[in-house]
Structure formats: structure tokens, C-alpha cells
């Protein structure tokens, strides 16, 4: 759990943007916690839905932003892998 300062928790809950990874984790955690609560509480299906949504969001972030960035860096600096198909 991201333990951030009380004033930053309050600011994020009021709509401020997260300023670091811990604050981003806190903001995501609050959204997921609210989702589970609004669905009716802790049930396997609700947890599975939340985990699935997080995993898909993670994969999409990697596919759309991280992988193209890495491809650019490979072109700039050269590939480290010698064994490729």
C-alpha cells in the first residue's frame, strides 16, 4: 500500500494529479477500492474484474507507449540482444 503524507492524500482525493509513483499507486488504489465497494464488496468476481482491468491497462500502456519508446532507443543505441529470431 502506498503510504503517502496525509496532505497529499487529501490533495489527490480532491483532484490533484499524482506527483510520483507512490501517489500514482495511491490514486489507482482508491479508484479500484471504490469500484469494489460500489460493486457490493469483496467477491471473487469483483476482484477478478479489477485485476483484469489493471492487467489490461498495464499491457496497453506497455504496447502503446513503452514498446515504441524502446524500439526508438534500440535504433539510437543499438540492440543488446544477439540471439533474435
PDB file of N, CA and C in Angstrom:
ATOM      1  N   UNK A   1       0.841  -1.190   0.000  1.00  0.00           N
ATOM      2  CA  UNK A   1       0.000   0.000   0.000  1.00  0.00           C
ATOM      3  C   UNK A   1       0.874   1.237   0.000  1.00  0.00           C
ATOM      4  N   UNK A   2       0.552   2.183  -0.818  1.00  0.00           N
ATOM      5  CA  UNK A   2       1.341   3.416  -0.866  1.00  0.00           C
ATOM      6  C   UNK A   2       1.003   4.329   0.316  1.00  0.00           C
ATOM      7  N   UNK A   3       1.914   4.412   1.239  1.00  0.00           N
ATOM      8  CA  UNK A   3       1.694   5.267   2.397  1.00  0.00           C
ATOM      9  C   UNK A   3       2.292   6.626   2.113  1.00  0.00           C
ATOM     10  N   UNK A   4       1.430   7.552   1.756  1.00  0.00           N
ATOM     11  CA  UNK A   4       1.866   8.899   1.427  1.00  0.00           C
ATOM     12  C   UNK A   4       1.362   9.851   2.508  1.00  0.00           C
ATOM     13  N   UNK A   5       1.920  11.034   2.520  1.00  0.00           N
ATOM     14  CA  UNK A   5       1.556  12.015   3.541  1.00  0.00           C
ATOM     15  C   UNK A   5       0.080  12.380   3.452  1.00  0.00           C
ATOM     16  N   UNK A   6      -0.493  12.654   4.619  1.00  0.00           N
ATOM     17  CA  UNK A   6      -1.924  12.945   4.708  1.00  0.00           C
ATOM     18  C   UNK A   6      -2.340  14.099   3.801  1.00  0.00           C
ATOM     19  N   UNK A   7      -1.538  15.158   3.754  1.00  0.00           N
ATOM     20  CA  UNK A   7      -1.914  16.305   2.925  1.00  0.00           C
ATOM     21  C   UNK A   7      -1.919  15.951   1.433  1.00  0.00           C
ATOM     22  N   UNK A   8      -1.035  15.036   1.010  1.00  0.00           N
ATOM     23  CA  UNK A   8      -1.035  14.608  -0.391  1.00  0.00           C
ATOM     24  C   UNK A   8      -2.221  13.698  -0.680  1.00  0.00           C
ATOM     25  N   UNK A   9      -2.585  12.842   0.287  1.00  0.00           N
ATOM     26  CA  UNK A   9      -3.787  12.017   0.117  1.00  0.00           C
ATOM     27  C   UNK A   9      -4.998  12.918  -0.111  1.00  0.00           C
ATOM     28  N   UNK A  10      -5.137  13.902   0.755  1.00  0.00           N
ATOM     29  CA  UNK A  10      -6.275  14.819   0.646  1.00  0.00           C
ATOM     30  C   UNK A  10      -6.270  15.559  -0.677  1.00  0.00           C
ATOM     31  N   UNK A  11      -5.083  15.987  -1.113  1.00  0.00           N
ATOM     32  CA  UNK A  11      -4.979  16.719  -2.380  1.00  0.00           C
ATOM     33  C   UNK A  11      -5.381  15.818  -3.554  1.00  0.00           C
ATOM     34  N   UNK A  12      -4.900  14.599  -3.561  1.00  0.00           N
ATOM     35  CA  UNK A  12      -5.230  13.675  -4.652  1.00  0.00           C
ATOM     36  C   UNK A  12      -6.721  13.358  -4.633  1.00  0.00           C
ATOM     37  N   UNK A  13      -7.267  13.132  -3.460  1.00  0.00           N
ATOM     38  CA  UNK A  13      -8.698  12.853  -3.355  1.00  0.00           C
ATOM     39  C   UNK A  13      -9.536  14.051  -3.814  1.00  0.00           C
ATOM     40  N   UNK A  14      -8.964  15.250  -3.724  1.00  0.00           N
ATOM     41  CA  UNK A  14      -9.657  16.462  -4.171  1.00  0.00           C
ATOM     42  C   UNK A  14      -9.432  16.732  -5.661  1.00  0.00           C
ATOM     43  N   UNK A  15      -8.630  15.891  -6.312  1.00  0.00           N
ATOM     44  CA  UNK A  15      -8.446  16.037  -7.752  1.00  0.00           C
ATOM     45  C   UNK A  15      -7.055  16.403  -8.214  1.00  0.00           C
ATOM     46  N   UNK A  16      -6.099  16.570  -7.292  1.00  0.00           N
ATOM     47  CA  UNK A  16      -4.730  16.898  -7.697  1.00  0.00           C
ATOM     48  C   UNK A  16      -4.099  15.706  -8.414  1.00  0.00           C
ATOM     49  N   UNK A  17      -3.218  16.011  -9.346  1.00  0.00           N
ATOM     50  CA  UNK A  17      -2.502  14.955 -10.052  1.00  0.00           C
ATOM     51  C   UNK A  17      -1.427  14.349  -9.159  1.00  0.00           C
ATOM     52  N   UNK A  18      -1.234  13.032  -9.243  1.00  0.00           N
ATOM     53  CA  UNK A  18      -0.131  12.396  -8.513  1.00  0.00           C
ATOM     54  C   UNK A  18       1.205  12.964  -8.986  1.00  0.00           C
ATOM     55  N   UNK A  19       2.155  13.085  -8.036  1.00  0.00           N
ATOM     56  CA  UNK A  19       3.452  13.659  -8.366  1.00  0.00           C
ATOM     57  C   UNK A  19       4.587  12.642  -8.407  1.00  0.00           C
ATOM     58  N   UNK A  20       4.341  11.419  -7.945  1.00  0.00           N
ATOM     59  CA  UNK A  20       5.370  10.388  -8.002  1.00  0.00           C
ATOM     60  C   UNK A  20       4.693   9.014  -8.034  1.00  0.00           C
ATOM     61  N   UNK A  21       5.486   7.969  -8.091  1.00  0.00           N
ATOM     62  CA  UNK A  21       4.942   6.615  -8.231  1.00  0.00           C
ATOM     63  C   UNK A  21       4.075   6.218  -7.036  1.00  0.00           C
ATOM     64  N   UNK A  22       4.462   6.614  -5.838  1.00  0.00           N
ATOM     65  CA  UNK A  22       3.658   6.291  -4.661  1.00  0.00           C
ATOM     66  C   UNK A  22       2.287   6.951  -4.710  1.00  0.00           C
ATOM     67  N   UNK A  23       2.257   8.191  -5.140  1.00  0.00           N
ATOM     68  CA  UNK A  23       0.984   8.899  -5.265  1.00  0.00           C
ATOM     69  C   UNK A  23       0.134   8.331  -6.388  1.00  0.00           C
ATOM     70  N   UNK A  24       0.772   7.941  -7.482  1.00  0.00           N
ATOM     71  CA  UNK A  24       0.025   7.302  -8.563  1.00  0.00           C
ATOM     72  C   UNK A  24      -0.578   5.984  -8.078  1.00  0.00           C
ATOM     73  N   UNK A  25       0.204   5.205  -7.331  1.00  0.00           N
ATOM     74  CA  UNK A  25      -0.288   3.952  -6.759  1.00  0.00           C
ATOM     75  C   UNK A  25      -1.476   4.231  -5.853  1.00  0.00           C
ATOM     76  N   UNK A  26      -1.375   5.255  -5.031  1.00  0.00           N
ATOM     77  CA  UNK A  26      -2.478   5.621  -4.135  1.00  0.00           C
ATOM     78  C   UNK A  26      -3.733   5.949  -4.938  1.00  0.00           C
ATOM     79  N   UNK A  27      -3.596   6.759  -5.974  1.00  0.00           N
ATOM     80  CA  UNK A  27      -4.753   7.160  -6.781  1.00  0.00           C
ATOM     81  C   UNK A  27      -5.411   5.949  -7.439  1.00  0.00           C
ATOM     82  N   UNK A  28      -4.608   5.063  -7.985  1.00  0.00           N
ATOM     83  CA  UNK A  28      -5.143   3.846  -8.605  1.00  0.00           C
ATOM     84  C   UNK A  28      -5.821   2.978  -7.558  1.00  0.00           C
ATOM     85  N   UNK A  29      -5.202   2.839  -6.396  1.00  0.00           N
ATOM     86  CA  UNK A  29      -5.759   2.027  -5.315  1.00  0.00           C
ATOM     87  C   UNK A  29      -7.121   2.549  -4.889  1.00  0.00           C
ATOM     88  N   UNK A  30      -7.257   3.865  -4.775  1.00  0.00           N
ATOM     89  CA  UNK A  30      -8.539   4.462  -4.376  1.00  0.00           C
ATOM     90  C   UNK A  30      -9.608   4.159  -5.417  1.00  0.00           C
ATOM     91  N   UNK A  31      -9.265   4.285  -6.693  1.00  0.00           N
ATOM     92  CA  UNK A  31     -10.237   4.006  -7.757  1.00  0.00           C
ATOM     93  C   UNK A  31     -10.685   2.548  -7.698  1.00  0.00           C
ATOM     94  N   UNK A  32      -9.750   1.638  -7.549  1.00  0.00           N
ATOM     95  CA  UNK A  32     -10.087   0.208  -7.500  1.00  0.00           C
ATOM     96  C   UNK A  32     -10.889  -0.108  -6.245  1.00  0.00           C
ATOM     97  N   UNK A  33     -10.493   0.451  -5.117  1.00  0.00           N
ATOM     98  CA  UNK A  33     -11.220   0.213  -3.870  1.00  0.00           C
ATOM     99  C   UNK A  33     -12.662   0.706  -3.984  1.00  0.00           C
ATOM    100  N   UNK A  34     -12.854   1.884  -4.563  1.00  0.00           N
ATOM    101  CA  UNK A  34     -14.210   2.410  -4.769  1.00  0.00           C
ATOM    102  C   UNK A  34     -15.006   1.517  -5.714  1.00  0.00           C
ATOM    103  N   UNK A  35     -14.365   1.035  -6.762  1.00  0.00           N
ATOM    104  CA  UNK A  35     -15.037   0.151  -7.710  1.00  0.00           C
ATOM    105  C   UNK A  35     -15.552  -1.099  -6.989  1.00  0.00           C
ATOM    106  N   UNK A  36     -14.691  -1.728  -6.204  1.00  0.00           N
ATOM    107  CA  UNK A  36     -15.082  -2.954  -5.494  1.00  0.00           C
ATOM    108  C   UNK A  36     -16.204  -2.663  -4.500  1.00  0.00           C
ATOM    109  N   UNK A  37     -16.098  -1.556  -3.785  1.00  0.00           N
ATOM    110  CA  UNK A  37     -17.145  -1.194  -2.833  1.00  0.00           C
ATOM    111  C   UNK A  37     -18.478  -0.965  -3.542  1.00  0.00           C
ATOM    112  N   UNK A  38     -18.443  -0.222  -4.644  1.00  0.00           N
ATOM    113  CA  UNK A  38     -19.667   0.082  -5.383  1.00  0.00           C
ATOM    114  C   UNK A  38     -20.286  -1.139  -6.051  1.00  0.00           C
ATOM    115  N   UNK A  39     -19.471  -2.144  -6.324  1.00  0.00           N
ATOM    116  CA  UNK A  39     -19.981  -3.396  -6.892  1.00  0.00           C
ATOM    117  C   UNK A  39     -20.663  -4.264  -5.831  1.00  0.00           C
ATOM    118  N   UNK A  40     -20.460  -3.922  -4.555  1.00  0.00           N
ATOM    119  CA  UNK A  40     -21.096  -4.693  -3.487  1.00  0.00           C
ATOM    120  C   UNK A  40     -20.117  -5.343  -2.525  1.00  0.00           C
ATOM    121  N   UNK A  41     -18.853  -4.995  -2.647  1.00  0.00           N
ATOM    122  CA  UNK A  41     -17.875  -5.515  -1.696  1.00  0.00           C
ATOM    123  C   UNK A  41     -16.991  -6.594  -2.303  1.00  0.00           C
ATOM    124  N   UNK A  42     -16.218  -7.192  -1.416  1.00  0.00           N
ATOM    125  CA  UNK A  42     -15.230  -8.173  -1.853  1.00  0.00           C
ATOM    126  C   UNK A  42     -15.919  -9.479  -2.221  1.00  0.00           C
ATOM    127  N   UNK A  43     -15.848  -9.786  -3.492  1.00  0.00           N
ATOM    128  CA  UNK A  43     -16.297 -11.054  -4.056  1.00  0.00           C
ATOM    129  C   UNK A  43     -15.245 -11.444  -5.091  1.00  0.00           C
ATOM    130  N   UNK A  44     -15.111 -12.724  -5.315  1.00  0.00           N
ATOM    131  CA  UNK A  44     -14.109 -13.160  -6.287  1.00  0.00           C
ATOM    132  C   UNK A  44     -14.316 -12.468  -7.635  1.00  0.00           C
ATOM    133  N   UNK A  45     -15.549 -12.412  -8.101  1.00  0.00           N
ATOM    134  CA  UNK A  45     -15.822 -11.815  -9.412  1.00  0.00           C
ATOM    135  C   UNK A  45     -15.388 -10.357  -9.457  1.00  0.00           C
ATOM    136  N   UNK A  46     -15.644  -9.608  -8.395  1.00  0.00           N
ATOM    137  CA  UNK A  46     -15.273  -8.189  -8.373  1.00  0.00           C
ATOM    138  C   UNK A  46     -13.754  -8.021  -8.356  1.00  0.00           C
ATOM    139  N   UNK A  47     -13.087  -8.848  -7.560  1.00  0.00           N
ATOM    140  CA  UNK A  47     -11.622  -8.803  -7.521  1.00  0.00           C
ATOM    141  C   UNK A  47     -11.046  -9.193  -8.879  1.00  0.00           C
ATOM    142  N   UNK A  48     -11.625 -10.232  -9.493  1.00  0.00           N
ATOM    143  CA  UNK A  48     -11.166 -10.685 -10.797  1.00  0.00           C
ATOM    144  C   UNK A  48     -11.355  -9.591 -11.843  1.00  0.00           C
ATOM    145  N   UNK A  49     -12.476  -8.895 -11.797  1.00  0.00           N
ATOM    146  CA  UNK A  49     -12.717  -7.789 -12.732  1.00  0.00           C
ATOM    147  C   UNK A  49     -11.668  -6.697 -12.562  1.00  0.00           C
ATOM    148  N   UNK A  50     -11.389  -6.335 -11.317  1.00  0.00           N
ATOM    149  CA  UNK A  50     -10.421  -5.265 -11.048  1.00  0.00           C
ATOM    150  C   UNK A  50      -9.018  -5.671 -11.488  1.00  0.00           C
ATOM    151  N   UNK A  51      -8.619  -6.882 -11.138  1.00  0.00           N
ATOM    152  CA  UNK A  51      -7.289  -7.354 -11.538  1.00  0.00           C
ATOM    153  C   UNK A  51      -7.191  -7.415 -13.064  1.00  0.00           C
ATOM    154  N   UNK A  52      -8.234  -7.891 -13.718  1.00  0.00           N
ATOM    155  CA  UNK A  52      -8.234  -7.958 -15.177  1.00  0.00           C
ATOM    156  C   UNK A  52      -8.130  -6.589 -15.819  1.00  0.00           C
ATOM    157  N   UNK A  53      -8.867  -5.627 -15.292  1.00  0.00           N
ATOM    158  CA  UNK A  53      -8.805  -4.269 -15.837  1.00  0.00           C
ATOM    159  C   UNK A  53      -7.414  -3.666 -15.637  1.00  0.00           C
ATOM    160  N   UNK A  54      -6.823  -3.872 -14.460  1.00  0.00           N
ATOM    161  CA  UNK A  54      -5.477  -3.371 -14.204  1.00  0.00           C
ATOM    162  C   UNK A  54      -4.459  -4.011 -15.141  1.00  0.00           C
ATOM    163  N   UNK A  55      -4.572  -5.323 -15.323  1.00  0.00           N
ATOM    164  CA  UNK A  55      -3.632  -6.030 -16.193  1.00  0.00           C
ATOM    165  C   UNK A  55      -3.758  -5.552 -17.634  1.00  0.00           C
ATOM    166  N   UNK A  56      -4.973  -5.378 -18.115  1.00  0.00           N
ATOM    167  CA  UNK A  56      -5.170  -4.903 -19.484  1.00  0.00           C
ATOM    168  C   UNK A  56      -4.670  -3.469 -19.645  1.00  0.00           C
ATOM    169  N   UNK A  57      -4.888  -2.641 -18.651  1.00  0.00           N
ATOM    170  CA  UNK A  57      -4.377  -1.263 -18.706  1.00  0.00           C
ATOM    171  C   UNK A  57      -2.850  -1.271 -18.743  1.00  0.00           C
ATOM    172  N   UNK A  58      -2.242  -2.138 -17.946  1.00  0.00           N
ATOM    173  CA  UNK A  58      -0.781  -2.255 -17.923  1.00  0.00           C
ATOM    174  C   UNK A  58      -0.263  -2.694 -19.288  1.00  0.00           C
ATOM    175  N   UNK A  59      -0.884  -3.730 -19.844  1.00  0.00           N
ATOM    176  CA  UNK A  59      -0.436  -4.234 -21.138  1.00  0.00           C
ATOM    177  C   UNK A  59      -0.600  -3.192 -22.243  1.00  0.00           C
ATOM    178  N   UNK A  60      -1.695  -2.450 -22.204  1.00  0.00           N
ATOM    179  CA  UNK A  60      -1.927  -1.425 -23.223  1.00  0.00           C
ATOM    180  C   UNK A  60      -0.923  -0.282 -23.089  1.00  0.00           C
ATOM    181  N   UNK A  61      -0.608   0.104 -21.870  1.00  0.00           N
ATOM    182  CA  UNK A  61       0.412   1.127 -21.646  1.00  0.00           C
ATOM    183  C   UNK A  61       1.745   0.669 -22.219  1.00  0.00           C
ATOM    184  N   UNK A  62       2.106  -0.575 -21.962  1.00  0.00           N
ATOM    185  CA  UNK A  62       3.370  -1.086 -22.488  1.00  0.00           C
ATOM    186  C   UNK A  62       3.343  -1.141 -24.017  1.00  0.00           C
ATOM    187  N   UNK A  63       2.252  -1.687 -24.570  1.00  0.00           N
ATOM    188  CA  UNK A  63       2.148  -1.854 -26.020  1.00  0.00           C
ATOM    189  C   UNK A  63       2.173  -0.518 -26.753  1.00  0.00           C
ATOM    190  N   UNK A  64       1.442   0.462 -26.229  1.00  0.00           N
ATOM    191  CA  UNK A  64       1.290   1.732 -26.946  1.00  0.00           C
ATOM    192  C   UNK A  64       2.409   2.728 -26.675  1.00  0.00           C
ATOM    193  N   UNK A  65       2.990   2.716 -25.469  1.00  0.00           N
ATOM    194  CA  UNK A  65       3.993   3.730 -25.123  1.00  0.00           C
ATOM    195  C   UNK A  65       5.390   3.167 -24.897  1.00  0.00           C
ATOM    196  N   UNK A  66       5.507   2.135 -24.074  1.00  0.00           N
ATOM    197  CA  UNK A  66       6.832   1.636 -23.700  1.00  0.00           C
ATOM    198  C   UNK A  66       7.529   0.924 -24.855  1.00  0.00           C
ATOM    199  N   UNK A  67       6.827   0.020 -25.545  1.00  0.00           N
ATOM    200  CA  UNK A  67       7.470  -0.733 -26.624  1.00  0.00           C
ATOM    201  C   UNK A  67       7.960   0.181 -27.758  1.00  0.00           C
ATOM    202  N   UNK A  68       7.144   1.114 -28.243  1.00  0.00           N
ATOM    203  CA  UNK A  68       7.666   2.008 -29.283  1.00  0.00           C
ATOM    204  C   UNK A  68       8.860   2.854 -28.799  1.00  0.00           C
ATOM    205  N   UNK A  69       8.823   3.274 -27.554  1.00  0.00           N
ATOM    206  CA  UNK A  69       9.942   4.027 -26.990  1.00  0.00           C
ATOM    207  C   UNK A  69      11.211   3.165 -26.995  1.00  0.00           C
ATOM    208  N   UNK A  70      11.069   1.912 -26.547  1.00  0.00           N
ATOM    209  CA  UNK A  70      12.214   1.000 -26.541  1.00  0.00           C
ATOM    210  C   UNK A  70      12.735   0.759 -27.955  1.00  0.00           C
ATOM    211  N   UNK A  71      11.834   0.620 -28.925  1.00  0.00           N
ATOM    212  CA  UNK A  71      12.258   0.419 -30.313  1.00  0.00           C
ATOM    213  C   UNK A  71      13.079   1.601 -30.817  1.00  0.00           C
ATOM    214  N   UNK A  72      12.662   2.811 -30.456  1.00  0.00           N
ATOM    215  CA  UNK A  72      13.419   4.003 -30.832  1.00  0.00           C
ATOM    216  C   UNK A  72      14.807   3.981 -30.213  1.00  0.00           C
ATOM    217  N   UNK A  73      14.887   3.604 -28.950  1.00  0.00           N
ATOM    218  CA  UNK A  73      16.182   3.561 -28.264  1.00  0.00           C
ATOM    219  C   UNK A  73      17.093   2.490 -28.852  1.00  0.00           C
ATOM    220  N   UNK A  74      16.522   1.372 -29.299  1.00  0.00           N
ATOM    221  CA  UNK A  74      17.321   0.336 -29.959  1.00  0.00           C
ATOM    222  C   UNK A  74      17.935   0.899 -31.234  1.00  0.00           C
ATOM    223  N   UNK A  75      17.152   1.663 -31.986  1.00  0.00           N
ATOM    224  CA  UNK A  75      17.663   2.263 -33.219  1.00  0.00           C
ATOM    225  C   UNK A  75      18.762   3.280 -32.923  1.00  0.00           C
ATOM    226  N   UNK A  76      18.615   4.021 -31.836  1.00  0.00           N
ATOM    227  CA  UNK A  76      19.602   5.049 -31.479  1.00  0.00           C
ATOM    228  C   UNK A  76      20.888   4.454 -30.916  1.00  0.00           C
ATOM    229  N   UNK A  77      20.764   3.452 -30.055  1.00  0.00           N
ATOM    230  CA  UNK A  77      21.922   2.968 -29.309  1.00  0.00           C
ATOM    231  C   UNK A  77      22.401   1.581 -29.729  1.00  0.00           C
ATOM    232  N   UNK A  78      21.615   0.888 -30.518  1.00  0.00           N
ATOM    233  CA  UNK A  78      21.984  -0.470 -30.896  1.00  0.00           C
ATOM    234  C   UNK A  78      21.321  -1.484 -29.984  1.00  0.00           C
ATOM    235  N   UNK A  79      21.129  -2.656 -30.533  1.00  0.00           N
ATOM    236  CA  UNK A  79      20.441  -3.728 -29.805  1.00  0.00           C
ATOM    237  C   UNK A  79      21.413  -4.471 -28.902  1.00  0.00           C
ATOM    238  N   UNK A  80      20.959  -4.862 -27.747  1.00  0.00           N
ATOM    239  CA  UNK A  80      21.785  -5.636 -26.829  1.00  0.00           C
ATOM    240  C   UNK A  80      21.648  -7.139 -27.093  1.00  0.00           C
ATOM    241  N   UNK A  81      20.522  -7.561 -27.651  1.00  0.00           N
ATOM    242  CA  UNK A  81      20.284  -8.979 -27.901  1.00  0.00           C
ATOM    243  C   UNK A  81      21.015  -9.431 -29.156  1.00  0.00           C
ATOM    244  N   UNK A  82      21.786 -10.495 -29.034  1.00  0.00           N
ATOM    245  CA  UNK A  82      22.461 -11.099 -30.177  1.00  0.00           C
ATOM    246  C   UNK A  82      21.644 -12.256 -30.740  1.00  0.00           C
ATOM    247  N   UNK A  83      20.844 -12.882 -29.886  1.00  0.00           N
ATOM    248  CA  UNK A  83      20.035 -14.032 -30.275  1.00  0.00           C
ATOM    249  C   UNK A  83      18.608 -13.584 -30.517  1.00  0.00           C
ATOM    250  N   UNK A  84      18.277 -13.376 -31.776  1.00  0.00           N
ATOM    251  CA  UNK A  84      16.933 -12.940 -32.143  1.00  0.00           C
ATOM    252  C   UNK A  84      16.441 -13.827 -33.271  1.00  0.00           C
ATOM    253  N   UNK A  85      15.122 -13.972 -33.367  1.00  0.00           N
ATOM    254  CA  UNK A  85      14.585 -14.773 -34.478  1.00  0.00           C
ATOM    255  C   UNK A  85      14.794 -14.091 -35.803  1.00  0.00           C
TER     256      UNK A  85
END
